Amino acid sequence: MKLLRLSACFLMLHSVFYTPSVFAQWFLGQDLYTSAHQRLLEGKTSESFESMIQAWQQIPIEEQRTNLDNLLTLAITEDCGRSLSQGVLPKWLANLSIRREVIQNLNQVMLKLSITGETSVPISDITFTLWPDNALISSSPINDESGHFSVETQRLELPVAAGLYKITITNEEKESWSSWIILTSPSIKQKIGWKDSKNWHIEKSQLPNQACPSPVLSINLYDLNDLSWTPIWTEEIDGRLPTTLPEIDVPDGRYWLSVGLIESRWQGDVSILDIQRITRPVDAQATTVTEE
């Protein structure tokens, strides 16, 4: 069965890469690219991933970057990225997520990168750097009493691009853990958008990755007067995603509504999330939420 999947992958990869110039440059004189391709076809996914890391470290040109991005996307179809890395999180890190987010309200688009997780020892510092030296995050995260931590970028000017990143996490006992992370290209298509204050539309992916979980819809309602921005109502739904806000029993008042479409994959033990979120102000009267 695995051989059959690899044969299908080979046909896909051949169609993706085969143009006269790109195909020639891919296989001639590019040992790391050839190695990454060959090892993936042999079912050696983690070894292929190591070759991709080395290829990104050589600062590839645009054509090579596209080829690496396509190859990683193909590798993820095996088991949603679980086999990409054999590295495991340290005992003091229960889980780790890297979140790339596009937030669209009625007037502007905001870009955000955040890192969240759960630890048994408070985290003192997190760095997340685009190879070789562009630090997107380098600061102390927020730790809470339950062991959760989070840190995020200031407002970004450009989407977090495909490429090689280095993450380093240090806890208060001076223990450190580092890993290479390769991100695929962000989606250029907005998949979720408003119809009106209570309804939105979601575009279905033409070729969903069957190895990965179905997208999740995250709905949050915030009190505009609460500066902590803690949601007063929240719901996460997978499977059949709704496109209408349900009736919510909240007091009359002004609120902020946020609806996010979350797509997830893995890189070994690390969860990587791509989130498209739409937000807008709404008024609530009795149990009916209406447009402001």
C-alpha atoms as a PDB file:
ATOM      1  CA  MET A   1       0.000   0.000   0.000  1.00  0.00           C
ATOM      2  CA  LYS A   2       2.851   2.379   0.874  1.00  0.00           C
ATOM      3  CA  LEU A   3       4.559   1.572  -2.446  1.00  0.00           C
ATOM      4  CA  LEU A   4       1.311   2.380  -4.235  1.00  0.00           C
ATOM      5  CA  ARG A   5       1.094   5.734  -2.437  1.00  0.00           C
ATOM      6  CA  LEU A   6       4.700   6.515  -3.347  1.00  0.00           C
ATOM      7  CA  SER A   7       4.055   5.679  -7.001  1.00  0.00           C
ATOM      8  CA  ALA A   8       1.098   8.045  -6.997  1.00  0.00           C
ATOM      9  CA  CYS A   9       3.260  10.668  -5.312  1.00  0.00           C
ATOM     10  CA  PHE A  10       5.901  10.238  -8.009  1.00  0.00           C
ATOM     11  CA  LEU A  11       3.346  10.930 -10.723  1.00  0.00           C
ATOM     12  CA  MET A  12       2.142  14.005  -8.867  1.00  0.00           C
ATOM     13  CA  LEU A  13       5.668  15.242  -8.323  1.00  0.00           C
ATOM     14  CA  HIS A  14       6.573  14.655 -11.958  1.00  0.00           C
ATOM     15  CA  SER A  15       3.585  16.732 -13.083  1.00  0.00           C
ATOM     16  CA  VAL A  16       4.385  19.499 -10.583  1.00  0.00           C
ATOM     17  CA  PHE A  17       8.027  19.846 -11.532  1.00  0.00           C
ATOM     18  CA  TYR A  18       8.092  18.906 -15.196  1.00  0.00           C
ATOM     19  CA  THR A  19       8.724  21.902 -17.342  1.00  0.00           C
ATOM     20  CA  PRO A  20      11.830  21.799 -19.557  1.00  0.00           C
ATOM     21  CA  SER A  21      13.843  24.363 -17.558  1.00  0.00           C
ATOM     22  CA  VAL A  22      12.639  23.566 -14.045  1.00  0.00           C
ATOM     23  CA  PHE A  23      12.919  19.791 -14.530  1.00  0.00           C
ATOM     24  CA  ALA A  24      16.481  20.081 -15.838  1.00  0.00           C
ATOM     25  CA  GLN A  25      17.636  22.369 -13.023  1.00  0.00           C
ATOM     26  CA  TRP A  26      15.969  20.147 -10.424  1.00  0.00           C
ATOM     27  CA  PHE A  27      17.912  16.988 -11.317  1.00  0.00           C
ATOM     28  CA  LEU A  28      21.212  18.262 -12.684  1.00  0.00           C
ATOM     29  CA  GLY A  29      23.896  19.401 -10.230  1.00  0.00           C
ATOM     30  CA  GLN A  30      21.555  19.805  -7.241  1.00  0.00           C
ATOM     31  CA  ASP A  31      22.528  16.898  -5.008  1.00  0.00           C
ATOM     32  CA  LEU A  32      20.445  17.967  -2.008  1.00  0.00           C
ATOM     33  CA  TYR A  33      17.307  18.433  -4.081  1.00  0.00           C
ATOM     34  CA  THR A  34      17.799  15.093  -5.809  1.00  0.00           C
ATOM     35  CA  SER A  35      18.448  13.421  -2.463  1.00  0.00           C
ATOM     36  CA  ALA A  36      15.309  14.920  -0.904  1.00  0.00           C
ATOM     37  CA  HIS A  37      13.213  13.775  -3.858  1.00  0.00           C
ATOM     38  CA  GLN A  38      14.710  10.272  -3.986  1.00  0.00           C
ATOM     39  CA  ARG A  39      14.405   9.625  -0.249  1.00  0.00           C
ATOM     40  CA  LEU A  40      10.772  10.719  -0.265  1.00  0.00           C
ATOM     41  CA  LEU A  41       9.992   8.302  -3.098  1.00  0.00           C
ATOM     42  CA  GLU A  42      11.745   5.543  -1.121  1.00  0.00           C
ATOM     43  CA  GLY A  43       9.514   6.204   1.869  1.00  0.00           C
ATOM     44  CA  LYS A  44      12.329   7.731   3.946  1.00  0.00           C
ATOM     45  CA  THR A  45      10.352  10.813   4.850  1.00  0.00           C
ATOM     46  CA  SER A  46      12.447  12.058   7.780  1.00  0.00           C
ATOM     47  CA  GLU A  47      15.660  11.670   5.736  1.00  0.00           C
ATOM     48  CA  SER A  48      14.063  13.566   2.874  1.00  0.00           C
ATOM     49  CA  PHE A  49      13.118  16.298   5.335  1.00  0.00           C
ATOM     50  CA  GLU A  50      16.721  16.551   6.554  1.00  0.00           C
ATOM     51  CA  SER A  51      17.834  17.085   2.954  1.00  0.00           C
ATOM     52  CA  MET A  52      15.212  19.822   2.588  1.00  0.00           C
ATOM     53  CA  ILE A  53      16.624  21.564   5.675  1.00  0.00           C
ATOM     54  CA  GLN A  54      20.128  21.471   4.208  1.00  0.00           C
ATOM     55  CA  ALA A  55      18.855  22.770   0.876  1.00  0.00           C
ATOM     56  CA  TRP A  56      17.118  25.725   2.570  1.00  0.00           C
ATOM     57  CA  GLN A  57      20.337  26.491   4.446  1.00  0.00           C
ATOM     58  CA  GLN A  58      22.018  27.152   1.100  1.00  0.00           C
ATOM     59  CA  ILE A  59      19.716  30.166   0.500  1.00  0.00           C
ATOM     60  CA  PRO A  60      17.976  28.765  -2.603  1.00  0.00           C
ATOM     61  CA  ILE A  61      16.906  30.915  -5.523  1.00  0.00           C
ATOM     62  CA  GLU A  62      13.197  31.483  -6.192  1.00  0.00           C
ATOM     63  CA  GLU A  63      12.824  28.511  -8.533  1.00  0.00           C
ATOM     64  CA  GLN A  64      14.484  26.211  -6.007  1.00  0.00           C
ATOM     65  CA  ARG A  65      12.322  27.629  -3.197  1.00  0.00           C
ATOM     66  CA  THR A  66       9.211  26.755  -5.194  1.00  0.00           C
ATOM     67  CA  ASN A  67      10.480  23.218  -5.777  1.00  0.00           C
ATOM     68  CA  LEU A  68      11.237  22.743  -2.060  1.00  0.00           C
ATOM     69  CA  ASP A  69       7.828  24.095  -1.116  1.00  0.00           C
ATOM     70  CA  ASN A  70       6.098  21.682  -3.501  1.00  0.00           C
ATOM     71  CA  LEU A  71       8.179  18.768  -2.234  1.00  0.00           C
ATOM     72  CA  LEU A  72       7.308  19.488   1.401  1.00  0.00           C
ATOM     73  CA  THR A  73       3.622  19.816   0.533  1.00  0.00           C
ATOM     74  CA  LEU A  74       3.825  16.381  -1.089  1.00  0.00           C
ATOM     75  CA  ALA A  75       5.660  14.884   1.911  1.00  0.00           C
ATOM     76  CA  ILE A  76       2.906  16.071   4.262  1.00  0.00           C
ATOM     77  CA  THR A  77       0.321  13.986   2.387  1.00  0.00           C
ATOM     78  CA  GLU A  78       1.807  10.776   3.826  1.00  0.00           C
ATOM     79  CA  ASP A  79       0.660  11.244   7.439  1.00  0.00           C
ATOM     80  CA  CYS A  80       0.056  14.989   7.797  1.00  0.00           C
ATOM     81  CA  GLY A  81       3.718  15.617   8.682  1.00  0.00           C
ATOM     82  CA  ARG A  82       4.091  13.234  11.626  1.00  0.00           C
ATOM     83  CA  SER A  83       6.997  11.492   9.866  1.00  0.00           C
ATOM     84  CA  LEU A  84       8.812  14.658   8.845  1.00  0.00           C
ATOM     85  CA  SER A  85      10.942  14.823  11.978  1.00  0.00           C
ATOM     86  CA  GLN A  86      12.184  12.120  14.340  1.00  0.00           C
ATOM     87  CA  GLY A  87      12.998  14.702  17.027  1.00  0.00           C
ATOM     88  CA  VAL A  88      10.803  14.674  20.106  1.00  0.00           C
ATOM     89  CA  LEU A  89       9.867  17.429  22.502  1.00  0.00           C
ATOM     90  CA  PRO A  90      11.746  17.501  25.831  1.00  0.00           C
ATOM     91  CA  LYS A  91       9.995  16.104  28.904  1.00  0.00           C
ATOM     92  CA  TRP A  92       9.206  19.607  30.177  1.00  0.00           C
ATOM     93  CA  LEU A  93       7.324  20.503  26.959  1.00  0.00           C
ATOM     94  CA  ALA A  94       3.998  18.671  26.791  1.00  0.00           C
ATOM     95  CA  ASN A  95       2.978  20.207  23.475  1.00  0.00           C
ATOM     96  CA  LEU A  96       3.938  23.018  21.122  1.00  0.00           C
ATOM     97  CA  SER A  97       2.055  24.887  18.397  1.00  0.00           C
ATOM     98  CA  ILE A  98       3.171  27.432  15.810  1.00  0.00           C
ATOM     99  CA  ARG A  99       0.272  29.555  14.588  1.00  0.00           C
ATOM    100  CA  ARG A 100       0.320  31.656  11.424  1.00  0.00           C
ATOM    101  CA  GLU A 101      -2.743  33.881  11.319  1.00  0.00           C
ATOM    102  CA  VAL A 102      -4.457  36.325   8.965  1.00  0.00           C
ATOM    103  CA  ILE A 103      -7.088  38.479  10.726  1.00  0.00           C
ATOM    104  CA  GLN A 104      -9.470  40.429   8.510  1.00  0.00           C
ATOM    105  CA  ASN A 105     -11.876  42.963   9.979  1.00  0.00           C
ATOM    106  CA  LEU A 106     -14.066  45.408   8.097  1.00  0.00           C
ATOM    107  CA  ASN A 107     -11.299  47.959   7.561  1.00  0.00           C
ATOM    108  CA  GLN A 108      -7.941  46.217   7.586  1.00  0.00           C
ATOM    109  CA  VAL A 109      -5.983  42.976   7.459  1.00  0.00           C
ATOM    110  CA  MET A 110      -3.630  42.056  10.302  1.00  0.00           C
ATOM    111  CA  LEU A 111      -0.940  39.388  10.181  1.00  0.00           C
ATOM    112  CA  LYS A 112       0.204  37.529  13.263  1.00  0.00           C
ATOM    113  CA  LEU A 113       2.587  34.755  14.247  1.00  0.00           C
ATOM    114  CA  SER A 114       2.241  33.132  17.659  1.00  0.00           C
ATOM    115  CA  ILE A 115       3.782  30.225  19.537  1.00  0.00           C
ATOM    116  CA  THR A 116       1.839  28.437  22.255  1.00  0.00           C
ATOM    117  CA  GLY A 117       2.314  25.329  24.334  1.00  0.00           C
ATOM    118  CA  GLU A 118       2.160  23.610  27.671  1.00  0.00           C
ATOM    119  CA  THR A 119       5.117  23.140  30.005  1.00  0.00           C
ATOM    120  CA  SER A 120       5.937  21.776  33.449  1.00  0.00           C
ATOM    121  CA  VAL A 121       8.606  24.465  33.942  1.00  0.00           C
ATOM    122  CA  PRO A 122       7.828  28.141  33.181  1.00  0.00           C
ATOM    123  CA  ILE A 123       9.334  29.360  29.904  1.00  0.00           C
ATOM    124  CA  SER A 124      11.730  32.306  30.126  1.00  0.00           C
ATOM    125  CA  ASP A 125      12.547  32.946  26.458  1.00  0.00           C
ATOM    126  CA  ILE A 126      11.442  31.974  22.945  1.00  0.00           C
ATOM    127  CA  THR A 127      13.126  32.875  19.671  1.00  0.00           C
ATOM    128  CA  PHE A 128      11.794  32.116  16.193  1.00  0.00           C
ATOM    129  CA  THR A 129      14.157  33.123  13.412  1.00  0.00           C
ATOM    130  CA  LEU A 130      13.902  32.984   9.638  1.00  0.00           C
ATOM    131  CA  TRP A 131      17.187  31.526   8.427  1.00  0.00           C
ATOM    132  CA  PRO A 132      19.775  32.883   8.654  1.00  0.00           C
ATOM    133  CA  ASP A 133      19.221  35.844  10.995  1.00  0.00           C
ATOM    134  CA  ASN A 134      15.758  37.455  10.726  1.00  0.00           C
ATOM    135  CA  ALA A 135      14.260  37.099  14.217  1.00  0.00           C
ATOM    136  CA  LEU A 136      10.461  37.270  14.077  1.00  0.00           C
ATOM    137  CA  ILE A 137      10.054  36.461  17.774  1.00  0.00           C
ATOM    138  CA  SER A 138      12.606  36.993  20.535  1.00  0.00           C
ATOM    139  CA  SER A 139      10.972  37.624  23.889  1.00  0.00           C
ATOM    140  CA  SER A 140       9.603  36.176  27.115  1.00  0.00           C
ATOM    141  CA  PRO A 141       6.212  34.500  26.779  1.00  0.00           C
ATOM    142  CA  ILE A 142       3.207  34.823  29.039  1.00  0.00           C
ATOM    143  CA  ASN A 143       3.014  31.851  31.449  1.00  0.00           C
ATOM    144  CA  ASP A 144      -0.139  31.017  33.383  1.00  0.00           C
ATOM    145  CA  GLU A 145      -0.662  28.893  36.484  1.00  0.00           C
ATOM    146  CA  SER A 146      -1.875  25.883  34.508  1.00  0.00           C
ATOM    147  CA  GLY A 147       1.400  25.627  32.579  1.00  0.00           C
ATOM    148  CA  HIS A 148       0.224  27.167  29.323  1.00  0.00           C
ATOM    149  CA  PHE A 149       2.455  29.737  27.645  1.00  0.00           C
ATOM    150  CA  SER A 150       2.135  31.989  24.608  1.00  0.00           C
ATOM    151  CA  VAL A 151       4.098  34.616  22.738  1.00  0.00           C
ATOM    152  CA  GLU A 152       3.315  36.485  19.538  1.00  0.00           C
ATOM    153  CA  THR A 153       4.788  38.951  17.096  1.00  0.00           C
ATOM    154  CA  GLN A 154       3.983  42.593  16.890  1.00  0.00           C
ATOM    155  CA  ARG A 155       1.997  43.471  13.784  1.00  0.00           C
ATOM    156  CA  LEU A 156       3.704  42.038  10.709  1.00  0.00           C
ATOM    157  CA  GLU A 157       4.036  43.892   7.422  1.00  0.00           C
ATOM    158  CA  LEU A 158       4.158  40.760   5.254  1.00  0.00           C
ATOM    159  CA  PRO A 159       2.786  37.206   5.589  1.00  0.00           C
ATOM    160  CA  VAL A 160       5.086  34.666   7.241  1.00  0.00           C
ATOM    161  CA  ALA A 161       6.654  33.158   4.131  1.00  0.00           C
ATOM    162  CA  ALA A 162       7.666  29.638   3.189  1.00  0.00           C
ATOM    163  CA  GLY A 163      11.160  28.843   4.341  1.00  0.00           C
ATOM    164  CA  LEU A 164      13.463  27.535   7.021  1.00  0.00           C
ATOM    165  CA  TYR A 165      13.050  28.734  10.605  1.00  0.00           C
ATOM    166  CA  LYS A 166      14.874  27.985  13.849  1.00  0.00           C
ATOM    167  CA  ILE A 167      12.945  27.820  17.120  1.00  0.00           C
ATOM    168  CA  THR A 168      14.647  27.887  20.514  1.00  0.00           C
ATOM    169  CA  ILE A 169      12.796  27.629  23.820  1.00  0.00           C
ATOM    170  CA  THR A 170      14.486  28.143  27.201  1.00  0.00           C
ATOM    171  CA  ASN A 171      12.848  27.497  30.549  1.00  0.00           C
ATOM    172  CA  GLU A 172      13.503  29.083  33.942  1.00  0.00           C
ATOM    173  CA  GLU A 173      15.843  26.230  34.885  1.00  0.00           C
ATOM    174  CA  LYS A 174      18.091  27.219  31.946  1.00  0.00           C
ATOM    175  CA  GLU A 175      17.184  24.122  29.924  1.00  0.00           C
ATOM    176  CA  SER A 176      16.936  24.794  26.177  1.00  0.00           C
ATOM    177  CA  TRP A 177      15.406  23.005  23.238  1.00  0.00           C
ATOM    178  CA  SER A 178      15.887  23.915  19.562  1.00  0.00           C
ATOM    179  CA  SER A 179      14.534  22.624  16.286  1.00  0.00           C
ATOM    180  CA  TRP A 180      14.384  23.490  12.596  1.00  0.00           C
ATOM    181  CA  ILE A 181      10.915  24.294  11.260  1.00  0.00           C
ATOM    182  CA  ILE A 182      10.006  24.479   7.574  1.00  0.00           C
ATOM    183  CA  LEU A 183       6.839  26.383   6.736  1.00  0.00           C
ATOM    184  CA  THR A 184       4.979  25.983   3.466  1.00  0.00           C
ATOM    185  CA  SER A 185       3.709  28.974   1.494  1.00  0.00           C
ATOM    186  CA  PRO A 186       0.737  30.720   3.125  1.00  0.00           C
ATOM    187  CA  SER A 187      -2.570  30.550   1.314  1.00  0.00           C
ATOM    188  CA  ILE A 188      -3.060  33.474  -1.052  1.00  0.00           C
ATOM    189  CA  LYS A 189      -6.802  32.811  -1.178  1.00  0.00           C
ATOM    190  CA  GLN A 190      -9.178  34.061   1.504  1.00  0.00           C
ATOM    191  CA  LYS A 191     -11.350  31.034   2.281  1.00  0.00           C
ATOM    192  CA  ILE A 192     -13.763  32.667   4.733  1.00  0.00           C
ATOM    193  CA  GLY A 193     -15.621  35.972   4.489  1.00  0.00           C
ATOM    194  CA  TRP A 194     -18.679  37.836   5.781  1.00  0.00           C
ATOM    195  CA  LYS A 195     -22.109  37.789   4.182  1.00  0.00           C
ATOM    196  CA  ASP A 196     -23.563  39.913   6.985  1.00  0.00           C
ATOM    197  CA  SER A 197     -23.128  40.216  10.757  1.00  0.00           C
ATOM    198  CA  LYS A 198     -24.562  36.759  11.492  1.00  0.00           C
ATOM    199  CA  ASN A 199     -23.550  34.851   8.369  1.00  0.00           C
ATOM    200  CA  TRP A 200     -20.345  34.038   6.547  1.00  0.00           C
ATOM    201  CA  HIS A 201     -19.251  31.905   3.620  1.00  0.00           C
ATOM    202  CA  ILE A 202     -16.545  29.224   3.534  1.00  0.00           C
ATOM    203  CA  GLU A 203     -14.927  28.113   0.294  1.00  0.00           C
ATOM    204  CA  LYS A 204     -14.236  24.401   0.130  1.00  0.00           C
ATOM    205  CA  SER A 205     -10.741  23.258  -0.735  1.00  0.00           C
ATOM    206  CA  GLN A 206     -10.661  21.598  -4.139  1.00  0.00           C
ATOM    207  CA  LEU A 207      -8.005  19.070  -3.086  1.00  0.00           C
ATOM    208  CA  PRO A 208      -8.169  18.607   0.700  1.00  0.00           C
ATOM    209  CA  ASN A 209      -5.303  16.755   2.346  1.00  0.00           C
ATOM    210  CA  GLN A 210      -6.957  13.503   3.403  1.00  0.00           C
ATOM    211  CA  ALA A 211      -4.089  12.732   5.826  1.00  0.00           C
ATOM    212  CA  CYS A 212      -4.769  15.836   7.932  1.00  0.00           C
ATOM    213  CA  PRO A 213      -7.647  16.665  10.277  1.00  0.00           C
ATOM    214  CA  SER A 214     -10.632  18.443   8.790  1.00  0.00           C
ATOM    215  CA  PRO A 215     -10.607  22.243   9.190  1.00  0.00           C
ATOM    216  CA  VAL A 216     -12.006  23.550  12.469  1.00  0.00           C
ATOM    217  CA  LEU A 217     -14.227  26.593  12.856  1.00  0.00           C
ATOM    218  CA  SER A 218     -13.538  28.677  15.972  1.00  0.00           C
ATOM    219  CA  ILE A 219     -16.238  31.196  17.000  1.00  0.00           C
ATOM    220  CA  ASN A 220     -15.657  33.690  19.810  1.00  0.00           C
ATOM    221  CA  LEU A 221     -17.742  36.555  21.187  1.00  0.00           C
ATOM    222  CA  TYR A 222     -16.031  39.300  23.225  1.00  0.00           C
ATOM    223  CA  ASP A 223     -17.342  42.097  25.434  1.00  0.00           C
ATOM    224  CA  LEU A 224     -15.995  45.349  23.976  1.00  0.00           C
ATOM    225  CA  ASN A 225     -15.680  46.777  27.487  1.00  0.00           C
ATOM    226  CA  ASP A 226     -13.475  43.912  28.731  1.00  0.00           C
ATOM    227  CA  LEU A 227      -9.873  44.927  28.044  1.00  0.00           C
ATOM    228  CA  SER A 228      -8.605  41.429  28.861  1.00  0.00           C
ATOM    229  CA  TRP A 229     -10.223  40.188  25.632  1.00  0.00           C
ATOM    230  CA  THR A 230     -11.419  37.008  27.276  1.00  0.00           C
ATOM    231  CA  PRO A 231     -14.285  35.545  25.244  1.00  0.00           C
ATOM    232  CA  ILE A 232     -17.646  35.465  26.982  1.00  0.00           C
ATOM    233  CA  TRP A 233     -18.794  32.741  24.590  1.00  0.00           C
ATOM    234  CA  THR A 234     -16.750  30.359  22.469  1.00  0.00           C
ATOM    235  CA  GLU A 235     -17.296  27.268  20.353  1.00  0.00           C
ATOM    236  CA  GLU A 236     -15.080  25.086  18.132  1.00  0.00           C
ATOM    237  CA  ILE A 237     -16.659  22.898  15.474  1.00  0.00           C
ATOM    238  CA  ASP A 238     -15.195  20.340  13.079  1.00  0.00           C
ATOM    239  CA  GLY A 239     -16.825  18.170  10.469  1.00  0.00           C
ATOM    240  CA  ARG A 240     -19.735  20.015   8.880  1.00  0.00           C
ATOM    241  CA  LEU A 241     -18.884  23.672   9.412  1.00  0.00           C
ATOM    242  CA  PRO A 242     -21.760  26.106  10.059  1.00  0.00           C
ATOM    243  CA  THR A 243     -22.008  29.430   8.224  1.00  0.00           C
ATOM    244  CA  THR A 244     -24.535  31.064  10.573  1.00  0.00           C
ATOM    245  CA  LEU A 245     -24.123  32.346  14.112  1.00  0.00           C
ATOM    246  CA  PRO A 246     -26.390  30.394  16.477  1.00  0.00           C
ATOM    247  CA  GLU A 247     -28.632  32.140  18.966  1.00  0.00           C
ATOM    248  CA  ILE A 248     -26.572  33.140  22.010  1.00  0.00           C
ATOM    249  CA  ASP A 249     -28.008  33.978  25.398  1.00  0.00           C
ATOM    250  CA  VAL A 250     -26.035  37.102  26.311  1.00  0.00           C
ATOM    251  CA  PRO A 251     -27.091  40.434  27.855  1.00  0.00           C
ATOM    252  CA  ASP A 252     -27.925  43.347  25.574  1.00  0.00           C
ATOM    253  CA  GLY A 253     -24.805  45.252  24.580  1.00  0.00           C
ATOM    254  CA  ARG A 254     -22.014  45.726  22.099  1.00  0.00           C
ATOM    255  CA  TYR A 255     -19.742  42.807  21.270  1.00  0.00           C
ATOM    256  CA  TRP A 256     -16.896  41.796  19.020  1.00  0.00           C
ATOM    257  CA  LEU A 257     -17.453  38.652  16.944  1.00  0.00           C
ATOM    258  CA  SER A 258     -14.531  36.555  15.690  1.00  0.00           C
ATOM    259  CA  VAL A 259     -14.832  33.544  13.363  1.00  0.00           C
ATOM    260  CA  GLY A 260     -11.691  31.612  12.462  1.00  0.00           C
ATOM    261  CA  LEU A 261     -11.032  28.798   9.984  1.00  0.00           C
ATOM    262  CA  ILE A 262      -8.181  26.647  11.343  1.00  0.00           C
ATOM    263  CA  GLU A 263      -6.183  24.217   9.178  1.00  0.00           C
ATOM    264  CA  SER A 264      -3.580  22.070  10.923  1.00  0.00           C
ATOM    265  CA  ARG A 265      -0.679  19.767  10.196  1.00  0.00           C
ATOM    266  CA  TRP A 266       2.327  18.409  12.050  1.00  0.00           C
ATOM    267  CA  GLN A 267       6.092  18.491  11.902  1.00  0.00           C
ATOM    268  CA  GLY A 268       6.901  15.541  14.093  1.00  0.00           C
ATOM    269  CA  ASP A 269       5.549  16.492  17.534  1.00  0.00           C
ATOM    270  CA  VAL A 270       5.068  20.173  16.661  1.00  0.00           C
ATOM    271  CA  SER A 271       1.611  21.324  15.585  1.00  0.00           C
ATOM    272  CA  ILE A 272       1.538  23.938  12.818  1.00  0.00           C
ATOM    273  CA  LEU A 273      -1.694  25.880  12.335  1.00  0.00           C
ATOM    274  CA  ASP A 274      -2.770  28.195   9.539  1.00  0.00           C
ATOM    275  CA  ILE A 275      -5.689  30.381  10.603  1.00  0.00           C
ATOM    276  CA  GLN A 276      -7.873  32.746   8.601  1.00  0.00           C
ATOM    277  CA  ARG A 277      -9.979  34.841  10.962  1.00  0.00           C
ATOM    278  CA  ILE A 278     -12.713  37.393  10.245  1.00  0.00           C
ATOM    279  CA  THR A 279     -13.925  39.849  12.902  1.00  0.00           C
ATOM    280  CA  ARG A 280     -16.530  42.580  13.233  1.00  0.00           C
ATOM    281  CA  PRO A 281     -18.508  44.541  15.875  1.00  0.00           C
ATOM    282  CA  VAL A 282     -22.080  43.461  16.567  1.00  0.00           C
ATOM    283  CA  ASP A 283     -24.971  44.533  18.801  1.00  0.00           C
ATOM    284  CA  ALA A 284     -26.879  42.020  20.901  1.00  0.00           C
ATOM    285  CA  GLN A 285     -30.533  42.510  21.760  1.00  0.00           C
ATOM    286  CA  ALA A 286     -32.039  39.773  23.917  1.00  0.00           C
ATOM    287  CA  THR A 287     -30.822  36.533  22.247  1.00  0.00           C
ATOM    288  CA  THR A 288     -30.521  37.981  18.751  1.00  0.00           C
ATOM    289  CA  VAL A 289     -27.185  39.266  17.436  1.00  0.00           C
ATOM    290  CA  THR A 290     -27.624  42.026  14.876  1.00  0.00           C
ATOM    291  CA  GLU A 291     -25.306  44.150  12.770  1.00  0.00           C
ATOM    292  CA  GLU A 292     -24.090  47.385  14.363  1.00  0.00           C
END
